[in-house]
Protein backbone atom coordinates (compact mmCIF):
# COMPACT_ATOMS: atom_id res chain seq x y z
CA MET A 1 105.46 56.36 208.93
CA ILE A 2 102.29 54.66 209.96
CA VAL A 3 99.07 56.65 210.94
CA GLU A 4 96.19 54.61 212.53
CA ARG A 5 92.80 55.48 214.24
CA SER A 6 92.33 54.23 217.49
CA GLU A 7 89.99 54.54 220.63
CA TYR A 8 90.88 55.54 224.26
CA LYS A 9 87.83 55.40 226.77
CA GLY A 10 85.52 55.59 223.94
CA LYS A 11 86.99 58.66 222.32
CA PRO A 12 88.73 58.65 218.90
CA MET A 13 92.58 58.80 218.60
CA LEU A 14 95.18 59.17 216.12
CA VAL A 15 98.40 56.96 216.59
CA ILE A 16 101.67 57.85 214.67
CA LYS A 17 104.36 55.27 214.54
CA ASN A 18 107.78 55.28 212.85
CA GLY A 19 107.01 51.60 211.85
CA GLU A 20 105.13 48.46 212.93
CA GLU A 21 107.76 47.66 215.49
CA ASP A 22 107.53 51.30 217.12
CA LYS A 23 107.50 50.81 221.03
CA PHE A 24 106.63 54.28 221.64
CA PRO A 25 104.09 55.67 219.23
CA PHE A 26 102.64 59.17 219.34
CA SER A 27 98.88 59.40 220.21
CA PHE A 28 96.45 62.06 220.56
CA GLY A 29 92.73 62.90 220.48
CA LEU A 30 90.55 65.59 218.96
CA SER A 31 91.50 68.37 221.58
CA LYS A 32 95.27 68.01 221.03
CA ALA A 33 94.72 67.74 217.23
CA LYS A 34 93.03 71.08 217.44
CA LYS A 35 95.93 72.72 219.39
CA ILE A 36 98.50 71.19 216.79
CA LEU A 37 96.47 72.63 213.89
CA GLU A 38 96.12 76.09 215.26
CA ASN A 39 99.90 76.23 215.94
CA ILE A 40 101.26 74.26 212.92
CA GLU A 41 103.42 77.21 211.83
CA GLU A 42 105.21 77.49 215.32
CA ILE A 43 105.77 73.81 215.23
CA LYS A 44 107.27 73.83 211.62
CA LYS A 45 109.63 76.92 212.98
CA PHE A 46 110.61 74.93 215.94
CA VAL A 47 111.52 71.92 213.85
CA ALA A 48 113.48 73.84 211.35
CA GLU A 49 115.43 75.68 214.18
CA GLN A 50 116.25 72.51 215.97
CA GLU A 51 117.35 70.65 212.79
CA ASN A 52 119.78 73.59 211.83
CA ARG A 53 121.43 73.31 215.26
CA GLY A 54 123.18 70.10 213.89
């Protein structure tokens, strides 16, 4: 996994890639980062549930 800092319209962004050749990286700014952090336990729960579905 690769995490890079970037910029969009003058605003800081984080870009998460599976690798250098990732065609569809996941990127977000401060507002979404705060939402993710505020709900990290629910996100972890969701991932665990989905992984257990097989």
